[in-house]
């Protein structure tokens, strides 16, 4: 397990609090859905970059 001696920043704490609120509200994805969304986003970015370069 990694350990960091530096204290958390206000931004990091806010991000953790926001994530906890999402979890409590049920705004979560299964591992399968998260992978699907990740791949879909990656494919879209690749296609957009390819079209933009041409």
N, C-alpha and C. Protein backbone atom coordinates (compact mmCIF):
# COMPACT_ATOMS: atom_id res chain seq x y z
N UNK A 1 0.84 -1.17 0.00
CA UNK A 1 0.00 0.00 0.00
C UNK A 1 0.89 1.24 0.00
N UNK A 2 0.55 2.20 -0.82
CA UNK A 2 1.32 3.45 -0.92
C UNK A 2 0.98 4.37 0.25
N UNK A 3 1.96 5.15 0.65
CA UNK A 3 1.75 6.10 1.73
C UNK A 3 2.36 7.43 1.32
N UNK A 4 1.64 8.51 1.53
CA UNK A 4 2.09 9.85 1.16
C UNK A 4 2.15 10.71 2.41
N UNK A 5 3.31 11.28 2.68
CA UNK A 5 3.47 12.12 3.87
C UNK A 5 2.83 13.49 3.74
N UNK A 6 2.57 13.92 2.50
CA UNK A 6 1.99 15.24 2.29
C UNK A 6 0.51 15.22 2.66
N UNK A 7 0.05 16.29 3.33
CA UNK A 7 -1.39 16.36 3.66
C UNK A 7 -2.23 16.56 2.39
N UNK A 8 -3.47 16.14 2.47
CA UNK A 8 -4.38 16.32 1.34
C UNK A 8 -4.67 17.81 1.14
N UNK A 9 -4.80 18.20 -0.13
CA UNK A 9 -5.16 19.58 -0.43
C UNK A 9 -6.67 19.74 -0.28
N UNK A 10 -7.13 20.98 -0.22
CA UNK A 10 -8.57 21.24 -0.16
C UNK A 10 -9.27 20.67 -1.38
N UNK A 11 -8.62 20.76 -2.53
CA UNK A 11 -9.20 20.22 -3.78
C UNK A 11 -9.34 18.70 -3.70
N UNK A 12 -8.34 18.03 -3.16
CA UNK A 12 -8.40 16.58 -3.03
C UNK A 12 -9.49 16.16 -2.05
N UNK A 13 -9.60 16.87 -0.95
CA UNK A 13 -10.65 16.57 0.03
C UNK A 13 -12.03 16.77 -0.57
N UNK A 14 -12.20 17.86 -1.33
CA UNK A 14 -13.48 18.13 -1.99
C UNK A 14 -13.82 17.01 -2.98
N UNK A 15 -12.82 16.51 -3.70
CA UNK A 15 -13.04 15.43 -4.65
C UNK A 15 -13.46 14.14 -3.95
N UNK A 16 -12.84 13.85 -2.83
CA UNK A 16 -13.22 12.67 -2.05
C UNK A 16 -14.64 12.80 -1.53
N UNK A 17 -14.98 13.97 -1.00
CA UNK A 17 -16.34 14.20 -0.49
C UNK A 17 -17.37 14.08 -1.60
N UNK A 18 -17.05 14.61 -2.78
CA UNK A 18 -17.96 14.50 -3.92
C UNK A 18 -18.15 13.04 -4.32
N UNK A 19 -17.08 12.28 -4.32
CA UNK A 19 -17.16 10.86 -4.67
C UNK A 19 -18.02 10.09 -3.67
N UNK A 20 -17.84 10.39 -2.38
CA UNK A 20 -18.66 9.73 -1.36
C UNK A 20 -20.14 10.06 -1.52
N UNK A 21 -20.45 11.29 -1.87
CA UNK A 21 -21.85 11.67 -2.10
C UNK A 21 -22.42 10.90 -3.30
N UNK A 22 -21.62 10.75 -4.35
CA UNK A 22 -22.05 9.97 -5.52
C UNK A 22 -22.37 8.54 -5.12
N UNK A 23 -21.49 7.95 -4.32
CA UNK A 23 -21.70 6.57 -3.88
C UNK A 23 -22.97 6.47 -3.05
N UNK A 24 -23.15 7.38 -2.10
CA UNK A 24 -24.34 7.36 -1.24
C UNK A 24 -25.62 7.54 -2.06
N UNK A 25 -25.54 8.31 -3.15
CA UNK A 25 -26.71 8.56 -3.99
C UNK A 25 -26.93 7.46 -5.04
N UNK A 26 -26.03 6.47 -5.05
CA UNK A 26 -26.19 5.36 -5.99
C UNK A 26 -25.66 5.65 -7.38
N UNK A 27 -24.90 6.73 -7.53
CA UNK A 27 -24.33 7.07 -8.84
C UNK A 27 -23.00 6.33 -9.01
N UNK A 28 -23.13 5.03 -9.25
CA UNK A 28 -21.96 4.16 -9.41
C UNK A 28 -22.16 3.28 -10.63
N UNK A 29 -21.05 2.74 -11.13
CA UNK A 29 -21.09 1.83 -12.26
C UNK A 29 -20.44 0.51 -11.86
N UNK A 30 -20.95 -0.56 -12.44
CA UNK A 30 -20.29 -1.85 -12.24
C UNK A 30 -18.96 -1.82 -13.00
N UNK A 31 -18.08 -2.74 -12.68
CA UNK A 31 -16.80 -2.80 -13.38
C UNK A 31 -17.02 -2.98 -14.88
N UNK A 32 -17.98 -3.81 -15.24
CA UNK A 32 -18.27 -4.07 -16.65
C UNK A 32 -18.72 -2.80 -17.35
N UNK A 33 -19.63 -2.04 -16.74
CA UNK A 33 -20.13 -0.80 -17.33
C UNK A 33 -19.02 0.25 -17.41
N UNK A 34 -18.18 0.32 -16.39
CA UNK A 34 -17.08 1.29 -16.39
C UNK A 34 -16.11 0.99 -17.54
N UNK A 35 -15.80 -0.28 -17.74
CA UNK A 35 -14.90 -0.66 -18.84
C UNK A 35 -15.54 -0.32 -20.19
N UNK A 36 -16.84 -0.60 -20.32
CA UNK A 36 -17.55 -0.30 -21.55
C UNK A 36 -17.51 1.20 -21.85
N UNK A 37 -17.77 2.02 -20.83
CA UNK A 37 -17.75 3.48 -21.01
C UNK A 37 -16.34 3.97 -21.36
N UNK A 38 -15.34 3.38 -20.73
CA UNK A 38 -13.96 3.77 -20.99
C UNK A 38 -13.59 3.47 -22.45
N UNK A 39 -13.90 2.27 -22.89
CA UNK A 39 -13.58 1.89 -24.27
C UNK A 39 -14.34 2.75 -25.27
N UNK A 40 -15.61 3.02 -24.98
CA UNK A 40 -16.41 3.85 -25.87
C UNK A 40 -15.81 5.25 -25.98
N UNK A 41 -15.40 5.81 -24.86
CA UNK A 41 -14.78 7.14 -24.87
C UNK A 41 -13.47 7.13 -25.63
N UNK A 42 -12.67 6.08 -25.42
CA UNK A 42 -11.39 5.99 -26.09
C UNK A 42 -11.57 5.89 -27.61
N UNK A 43 -12.54 5.11 -28.02
CA UNK A 43 -12.80 4.95 -29.46
C UNK A 43 -13.27 6.28 -30.05
N UNK A 44 -14.16 6.98 -29.36
CA UNK A 44 -14.64 8.29 -29.83
C UNK A 44 -13.48 9.27 -29.96
N UNK A 45 -12.61 9.33 -28.96
CA UNK A 45 -11.48 10.25 -29.01
C UNK A 45 -10.55 9.91 -30.16
N UNK A 46 -10.30 8.63 -30.36
CA UNK A 46 -9.44 8.20 -31.46
C UNK A 46 -10.03 8.60 -32.80
N UNK A 47 -11.32 8.37 -32.97
CA UNK A 47 -11.98 8.72 -34.22
C UNK A 47 -11.98 10.22 -34.46
N UNK A 48 -12.27 11.00 -33.41
CA UNK A 48 -12.28 12.45 -33.55
C UNK A 48 -10.89 12.98 -33.87
N UNK A 49 -9.88 12.44 -33.22
CA UNK A 49 -8.51 12.88 -33.51
C UNK A 49 -8.10 12.52 -34.93
N UNK A 50 -8.51 11.35 -35.38
CA UNK A 50 -8.20 10.92 -36.74
C UNK A 50 -8.87 11.83 -37.76
N UNK A 51 -10.15 12.15 -37.52
CA UNK A 51 -10.87 13.03 -38.44
C UNK A 51 -10.32 14.44 -38.41
N UNK A 52 -9.91 14.89 -37.25
CA UNK A 52 -9.39 16.26 -37.10
C UNK A 52 -8.03 16.43 -37.81
N UNK A 53 -7.23 15.37 -37.79
CA UNK A 53 -5.89 15.44 -38.39
C UNK A 53 -5.99 15.48 -39.90
N UNK A 54 -6.97 14.83 -40.47
CA UNK A 54 -7.07 14.74 -41.93
C UNK A 54 -7.49 16.01 -42.55
